[in-house]
N, C-alpha and C. Protein backbone atom coordinates (compact mmCIF):
# COMPACT_ATOMS: atom_id res chain seq x y z
N MET A 1 1.03 -1.24 -0.06
CA MET A 1 0.02 0.04 -0.13
C MET A 1 0.88 1.33 0.07
N THR A 2 0.75 2.20 -0.93
CA THR A 2 1.55 3.12 -1.07
C THR A 2 0.69 4.42 -0.27
N LYS A 3 1.42 5.17 0.52
CA LYS A 3 0.83 6.42 1.36
C LYS A 3 1.48 7.61 0.87
N ASP A 4 0.70 8.74 0.82
CA ASP A 4 1.47 9.97 0.71
C ASP A 4 1.31 10.58 2.08
N LEU A 5 2.41 10.58 2.76
CA LEU A 5 2.56 11.32 3.92
C LEU A 5 2.93 12.49 4.24
N ASN A 6 3.46 13.03 3.14
CA ASN A 6 3.97 14.58 3.23
C ASN A 6 5.31 14.52 4.17
N LEU A 7 6.31 13.68 4.00
CA LEU A 7 7.47 13.50 5.01
C LEU A 7 8.37 14.67 4.87
N THR A 8 8.91 14.93 6.13
CA THR A 8 10.08 15.95 6.24
C THR A 8 11.24 15.36 7.03
N PHE A 9 12.29 15.20 6.27
CA PHE A 9 13.56 14.71 6.90
C PHE A 9 13.70 15.36 8.30
N HIS A 10 14.07 14.34 9.38
CA HIS A 10 14.49 14.86 10.63
C HIS A 10 15.83 14.46 10.97
N HIS A 11 16.14 13.02 10.96
CA HIS A 11 17.54 12.70 11.38
C HIS A 11 17.55 11.34 10.64
N ILE A 12 19.03 10.85 10.97
CA ILE A 12 19.31 9.57 10.78
C ILE A 12 19.90 8.82 12.07
N GLY A 13 19.24 7.86 12.18
CA GLY A 13 19.68 6.89 13.39
C GLY A 13 20.80 5.80 13.00
N LYS A 14 21.79 5.47 13.63
CA LYS A 14 22.65 4.61 13.23
C LYS A 14 23.18 3.69 14.61
N PRO A 15 23.15 2.42 14.56
CA PRO A 15 23.38 1.68 15.55
C PRO A 15 24.96 1.72 15.54
N VAL A 16 25.72 1.64 16.72
CA VAL A 16 27.09 1.78 16.98
C VAL A 16 27.48 0.86 18.19
N SER A 17 28.63 0.30 18.28
CA SER A 17 29.18 -0.28 19.41
C SER A 17 28.96 0.73 20.56
N LEU A 18 28.82 0.22 21.91
CA LEU A 18 28.83 0.98 23.02
C LEU A 18 30.17 1.76 23.26
N GLU A 19 31.29 0.84 22.77
CA GLU A 19 32.59 1.62 22.92
C GLU A 19 32.89 2.97 22.28
N THR A 20 32.15 3.04 21.09
CA THR A 20 32.01 4.14 20.19
C THR A 20 31.71 5.48 20.78
N ILE A 21 30.87 5.33 21.62
CA ILE A 21 30.04 6.38 22.32
C ILE A 21 30.11 6.73 23.84
N LYS A 22 30.34 5.57 24.52
CA LYS A 22 30.17 5.65 26.10
C LYS A 22 31.15 6.56 26.62
N GLN A 23 32.28 6.93 26.13
CA GLN A 23 33.15 7.97 26.90
C GLN A 23 32.80 9.49 26.64
N ASN A 24 31.88 9.64 25.53
CA ASN A 24 31.49 11.02 25.25
C ASN A 24 30.64 11.66 26.16
N LYS A 25 30.93 12.73 26.69
CA LYS A 25 30.32 13.52 28.01
C LYS A 25 29.02 13.68 27.47
N ASP A 26 28.61 14.02 26.13
CA ASP A 26 27.31 14.16 25.76
C ASP A 26 26.36 12.83 25.39
N THR A 27 26.84 11.62 25.69
CA THR A 27 26.10 10.64 25.63
C THR A 27 25.05 10.44 26.60
N ARG A 28 23.72 10.06 26.19
CA ARG A 28 22.75 10.11 27.25
C ARG A 28 22.25 8.48 27.24
N TYR A 29 21.76 8.05 28.46
CA TYR A 29 21.22 6.79 28.69
C TYR A 29 19.82 6.79 28.92
N SER A 30 19.13 5.90 28.23
CA SER A 30 17.79 5.60 28.42
C SER A 30 17.68 4.13 29.21
N SER A 31 17.03 4.18 30.33
CA SER A 31 16.98 3.06 31.22
C SER A 31 15.61 2.42 30.60
N LEU A 32 14.83 3.32 30.09
CA LEU A 32 13.49 2.60 29.42
C LEU A 32 13.79 1.66 28.34
N PHE A 33 14.83 1.84 27.53
CA PHE A 33 15.12 1.11 26.34
C PHE A 33 16.60 0.41 26.63
N ASP A 34 17.20 0.56 27.64
CA ASP A 34 18.64 0.23 27.77
C ASP A 34 19.60 0.56 26.46
N MET A 35 19.34 1.79 26.13
CA MET A 35 20.02 2.46 25.10
C MET A 35 20.84 3.69 25.40
N TYR A 36 21.81 3.89 24.86
CA TYR A 36 22.85 5.04 24.81
C TYR A 36 22.69 5.90 23.54
N THR A 37 22.62 7.07 23.51
CA THR A 37 22.42 7.91 22.45
C THR A 37 23.49 9.23 22.44
N LEU A 38 23.95 9.41 21.33
CA LEU A 38 24.83 10.69 21.03
C LEU A 38 24.31 11.31 19.58
N ASP A 39 23.94 12.70 20.00
CA ASP A 39 23.48 13.34 18.93
C ASP A 39 24.76 13.96 18.06
N ILE A 40 24.84 13.83 16.73
CA ILE A 40 26.04 14.57 16.10
C ILE A 40 25.45 15.04 14.92
N LYS A 41 26.28 15.87 14.23
CA LYS A 41 25.97 15.99 12.81
C LYS A 41 27.16 15.47 11.78
N ASN A 42 26.74 14.82 10.65
CA ASN A 42 27.63 14.52 9.82
C ASN A 42 28.29 15.68 8.82
N ASP A 43 29.12 15.34 7.97
CA ASP A 43 29.81 16.44 7.18
C ASP A 43 29.00 17.12 6.34
N LEU A 44 27.57 16.68 6.12
CA LEU A 44 26.53 17.42 5.42
C LEU A 44 25.73 18.40 6.52
N SER A 45 26.15 18.43 7.60
CA SER A 45 25.28 18.90 8.83
C SER A 45 23.98 18.43 8.93
N LEU A 46 23.93 16.99 8.53
CA LEU A 46 22.50 16.34 8.72
C LEU A 46 22.66 15.80 10.27
N PRO A 47 21.57 16.01 10.95
CA PRO A 47 21.63 15.42 12.31
C PRO A 47 21.35 13.83 12.22
N VAL A 48 22.49 13.09 13.23
CA VAL A 48 22.45 11.67 13.22
C VAL A 48 22.51 11.58 14.73
N GLN A 49 21.72 10.55 14.89
CA GLN A 49 21.81 9.93 16.50
C GLN A 49 22.52 8.55 16.42
N LEU A 50 23.72 8.29 17.08
CA LEU A 50 24.28 7.29 17.35
C LEU A 50 23.58 6.54 18.47
N HIS A 51 23.30 5.19 18.24
CA HIS A 51 22.60 4.44 19.30
C HIS A 51 23.44 3.26 19.65
N ALA A 52 23.57 2.99 20.90
CA ALA A 52 24.22 1.77 21.42
C ALA A 52 23.22 1.06 22.26
N PHE A 53 23.13 -0.20 22.27
CA PHE A 53 21.94 -1.09 23.09
C PHE A 53 22.81 -1.75 24.18
N GLY A 54 22.09 -1.98 25.33
CA GLY A 54 22.57 -2.97 26.34
C GLY A 54 21.73 -4.14 26.07
N PRO A 55 22.35 -5.09 26.83
CA PRO A 55 21.66 -6.60 26.70
C PRO A 55 20.26 -6.62 27.22
N SER A 56 19.64 -5.67 27.81
CA SER A 56 18.23 -5.58 28.18
C SER A 56 17.53 -4.74 27.32
N SER A 57 17.74 -4.29 26.46
CA SER A 57 17.04 -3.51 25.30
C SER A 57 15.88 -4.25 24.81
N SER A 58 14.75 -3.65 25.02
CA SER A 58 13.41 -4.13 24.71
C SER A 58 13.09 -3.88 23.26
N LEU A 59 13.70 -2.87 22.52
CA LEU A 59 13.61 -2.48 21.31
C LEU A 59 13.80 -3.77 20.18
N ASP A 60 13.04 -3.69 19.03
CA ASP A 60 13.10 -4.62 18.18
C ASP A 60 14.54 -4.98 17.64
N LYS A 61 14.99 -5.98 17.40
CA LYS A 61 16.14 -6.47 16.92
C LYS A 61 16.63 -5.69 15.55
N ILE A 62 15.84 -5.29 14.67
CA ILE A 62 15.95 -4.56 13.70
C ILE A 62 16.47 -3.24 13.90
N ILE A 63 15.99 -2.53 15.05
CA ILE A 63 16.31 -1.23 15.48
C ILE A 63 17.52 -1.30 16.04
N GLN A 64 17.96 -2.33 16.51
CA GLN A 64 19.31 -2.43 17.10
C GLN A 64 20.39 -2.86 16.22
N LYS A 65 20.11 -3.22 15.14
CA LYS A 65 21.00 -3.63 14.05
C LYS A 65 21.07 -2.85 12.71
N GLU A 66 19.99 -2.22 12.38
CA GLU A 66 19.81 -1.35 11.05
C GLU A 66 19.90 0.11 11.25
N ALA A 67 20.51 0.76 10.28
CA ALA A 67 20.32 2.23 10.42
C ALA A 67 18.91 2.52 10.20
N HIS A 68 18.41 3.63 10.53
CA HIS A 68 17.03 4.26 9.89
C HIS A 68 17.21 5.71 9.60
N VAL A 69 16.18 6.10 8.96
CA VAL A 69 15.84 7.56 8.58
C VAL A 69 14.53 7.92 9.37
N ALA A 70 14.47 9.14 10.00
CA ALA A 70 13.49 9.49 10.54
C ALA A 70 12.71 10.77 9.85
N PHE A 71 11.52 10.68 9.79
CA PHE A 71 10.53 11.79 9.15
C PHE A 71 9.71 12.35 10.07
N LYS A 72 9.40 13.80 9.99
CA LYS A 72 8.35 14.20 10.62
C LYS A 72 6.93 14.15 9.69
N VAL A 73 5.85 13.85 10.43
CA VAL A 73 4.60 13.63 9.73
C VAL A 73 3.49 14.61 10.29
N THR A 74 2.45 14.86 9.66
CA THR A 74 1.60 15.93 10.19
C THR A 74 0.58 15.07 11.04
N ASN A 75 0.20 13.73 10.86
CA ASN A 75 -0.60 12.92 11.51
C ASN A 75 -0.09 11.53 11.70
N ILE A 76 0.67 11.25 12.70
CA ILE A 76 1.38 10.12 12.99
C ILE A 76 0.52 8.83 13.05
N LYS A 77 -0.68 9.10 13.62
CA LYS A 77 -1.51 7.87 13.83
C LYS A 77 -1.95 7.37 12.51
N GLU A 78 -2.31 8.27 11.66
CA GLU A 78 -2.63 7.96 10.30
C GLU A 78 -1.51 7.30 9.45
N ALA A 79 -0.44 7.82 9.69
CA ALA A 79 0.79 7.29 8.86
C ALA A 79 1.25 6.09 9.47
N ILE A 80 1.06 5.60 10.69
CA ILE A 80 1.44 4.12 11.00
C ILE A 80 0.05 3.03 10.82
N LYS A 81 -0.92 3.83 10.52
CA LYS A 81 -2.16 2.94 10.34
C LYS A 81 -1.93 1.74 9.25
N ASP A 82 -2.20 0.56 9.35
CA ASP A 82 -1.88 -0.60 8.51
C ASP A 82 -0.42 -0.84 8.00
N SER A 83 0.38 -0.28 8.96
CA SER A 83 1.87 -0.52 8.75
C SER A 83 2.54 -1.67 9.65
N LYS A 84 3.39 -2.11 9.50
CA LYS A 84 4.38 -3.05 10.23
C LYS A 84 5.14 -2.10 11.40
N ILE A 85 4.35 -2.30 12.74
CA ILE A 85 5.12 -1.27 13.70
C ILE A 85 6.08 -2.05 14.37
N ILE A 86 7.30 -1.62 14.37
CA ILE A 86 8.30 -2.26 15.23
C ILE A 86 8.78 -1.62 16.52
N MET A 87 8.10 -0.24 16.56
CA MET A 87 8.38 0.50 18.02
C MET A 87 6.95 1.33 18.10
N PRO A 88 6.22 0.79 19.18
CA PRO A 88 4.98 1.39 19.00
C PRO A 88 4.93 2.92 19.67
N LEU A 89 3.84 3.54 19.07
CA LEU A 89 3.61 4.91 19.21
C LEU A 89 3.70 5.19 20.62
N TYR A 90 4.81 6.26 20.89
CA TYR A 90 4.82 6.97 22.36
C TYR A 90 4.98 8.09 22.31
N GLU A 91 5.35 8.90 23.59
CA GLU A 91 5.44 10.45 23.69
C GLU A 91 6.71 10.36 24.73
N PRO A 92 7.81 10.27 24.11
CA PRO A 92 9.11 10.34 25.20
C PRO A 92 9.16 11.60 25.91
N PHE A 93 8.73 12.77 25.23
CA PHE A 93 8.72 14.06 26.09
C PHE A 93 7.47 14.91 25.48
N SER A 94 7.00 15.92 26.27
CA SER A 94 5.79 16.57 25.77
C SER A 94 5.89 17.16 24.42
N GLY A 95 4.93 17.15 23.60
CA GLY A 95 5.09 17.69 22.48
C GLY A 95 5.69 16.95 21.40
N TYR A 96 5.96 15.70 21.70
CA TYR A 96 6.84 14.86 20.51
C TYR A 96 6.22 13.44 20.71
N GLN A 97 5.82 12.91 19.31
CA GLN A 97 5.24 11.54 19.57
C GLN A 97 6.06 11.00 18.61
N CYS A 98 6.50 9.46 18.48
CA CYS A 98 7.20 8.70 17.69
C CYS A 98 6.84 7.64 17.69
N ALA A 99 7.24 6.79 16.60
CA ALA A 99 6.87 5.33 16.43
C ALA A 99 7.77 4.90 15.12
N MET A 100 8.13 3.67 15.07
CA MET A 100 8.92 3.28 14.13
C MET A 100 8.09 1.91 13.35
N ILE A 101 8.35 2.11 11.85
CA ILE A 101 7.65 1.00 11.24
C ILE A 101 8.75 0.41 10.17
N LEU A 102 8.30 -0.62 9.54
CA LEU A 102 9.16 -1.28 8.70
C LEU A 102 8.50 -0.80 7.11
N VAL A 103 9.49 -0.31 6.40
CA VAL A 103 8.85 0.02 4.77
C VAL A 103 9.95 -0.86 4.04
N ASN A 104 9.36 -1.71 3.20
CA ASN A 104 10.31 -2.48 2.36
C ASN A 104 11.22 -2.99 3.25
N ASN A 105 11.17 -3.37 4.22
CA ASN A 105 12.14 -4.05 5.36
C ASN A 105 13.00 -3.20 5.67
N GLN A 106 13.03 -1.79 5.74
CA GLN A 106 13.74 -0.78 6.29
C GLN A 106 13.03 -0.13 7.30
N PRO A 107 13.71 0.02 8.46
CA PRO A 107 13.21 0.58 9.66
C PRO A 107 13.07 2.24 9.25
N ILE A 108 11.80 2.68 9.62
CA ILE A 108 11.53 4.11 9.41
C ILE A 108 10.91 4.86 10.48
N GLU A 109 11.49 5.72 11.09
CA GLU A 109 11.00 6.41 12.44
C GLU A 109 10.00 7.52 11.92
N LEU A 110 8.67 7.93 12.47
CA LEU A 110 8.01 8.59 12.16
C LEU A 110 7.78 9.52 13.42
N ILE A 111 7.71 10.94 13.33
CA ILE A 111 7.78 11.86 14.45
C ILE A 111 6.49 12.84 14.07
N GLU A 112 5.50 13.30 15.05
CA GLU A 112 4.67 14.10 15.09
C GLU A 112 4.99 15.06 16.23
N THR A 113 5.24 16.18 15.79
CA THR A 113 5.73 17.37 16.83
C THR A 113 5.43 18.90 16.41
N ASN A 114 5.09 19.79 17.56
CA ASN A 114 4.84 21.15 17.17
C ASN A 114 6.02 21.81 17.59
N LEU A 115 7.23 20.97 18.23
CA LEU A 115 8.30 21.78 18.78
C LEU A 115 9.21 22.11 17.67
N THR A 116 10.07 23.19 17.92
CA THR A 116 10.95 23.70 17.07
C THR A 116 12.14 22.79 16.89
N GLU A 117 13.06 22.76 15.74
CA GLU A 117 14.37 21.84 15.62
C GLU A 117 15.14 22.41 16.97
N ARG A 118 15.27 23.52 17.25
CA ARG A 118 16.10 24.20 18.42
C ARG A 118 15.70 23.63 19.64
N GLU A 119 14.31 23.25 19.91
CA GLU A 119 13.71 22.95 21.15
C GLU A 119 14.18 21.31 21.15
N ILE A 120 13.97 20.65 20.04
CA ILE A 120 14.26 19.32 19.98
C ILE A 120 15.74 18.85 20.35
N TRP A 121 16.45 19.68 19.56
CA TRP A 121 17.86 19.22 19.53
C TRP A 121 18.64 20.11 20.71
N GLY A 122 17.92 20.97 21.37
CA GLY A 122 18.56 21.70 22.56
C GLY A 122 18.97 20.93 23.59
N ASP A 123 19.43 21.70 24.78
CA ASP A 123 20.28 20.89 25.93
C ASP A 123 19.15 20.17 26.91
N GLY A 124 17.93 20.72 26.79
CA GLY A 124 16.99 20.41 27.91
C GLY A 124 15.77 19.80 27.73
N ILE A 125 15.27 19.62 26.52
CA ILE A 125 13.92 19.16 26.49
C ILE A 125 13.70 17.84 26.77
N PHE A 126 14.79 17.07 26.48
CA PHE A 126 14.70 15.47 27.03
C PHE A 126 14.88 15.22 28.36
N LYS A 127 15.46 16.24 29.25
CA LYS A 127 15.62 15.96 30.31
C LYS A 127 14.37 15.64 31.34
N ASP A 128 14.46 14.90 32.12
CA ASP A 128 13.39 14.33 33.10
C ASP A 128 12.10 13.73 32.26
N SER A 129 12.39 13.43 30.99
CA SER A 129 11.47 12.60 30.14
C SER A 129 11.43 11.28 30.54
N ILE A 130 10.35 10.41 29.87
CA ILE A 130 10.49 9.17 29.98
C ILE A 130 11.54 8.29 29.37
N LEU A 131 12.05 9.01 28.31
CA LEU A 131 13.16 8.48 27.72
C LEU A 131 14.47 8.52 28.36
N TYR A 132 14.69 9.69 29.17
CA TYR A 132 16.00 9.97 29.78
C TYR A 132 15.55 10.48 31.25
N PRO A 133 15.09 9.72 32.07
CA PRO A 133 14.49 10.44 33.31
C PRO A 133 15.57 10.81 34.22
N SER A 134 16.80 10.37 34.07
CA SER A 134 17.64 10.84 35.08
C SER A 134 18.83 11.71 34.52
N ASP A 135 18.51 12.08 33.18
CA ASP A 135 19.69 12.92 32.59
C ASP A 135 19.82 14.33 33.30
N LYS A 136 21.04 14.65 33.42
CA LYS A 136 21.26 16.00 34.18
C LYS A 136 21.92 16.78 33.12
């Protein structure tokens, strides 16, 4: 089934080994998913999230092994309808909902938000969220 979702690029997510990012002071830990995340920009200034996963991660193995591209959509519930969902819809922090689906066996993250990019990628929006509850 083909959908016209009016996708807007948001970021690239890339699984890496924990040794790659653990020592970086900006790496955040999510106990919810036993996942470490480091936000960087590639040589084209595109936002990239490097993810490393611990042994207790509940995220689908495809998410833990395959890179994904994330897009903003205007209606996430409609966008994920009738899709193979590999990360259920949830709201990691106020004003930001996301889910991950498989499209042609490729993980795609979909995001619905009214937050600005500065708010999303800023220093504080994720603090005390369900995704990073103890991040300081």
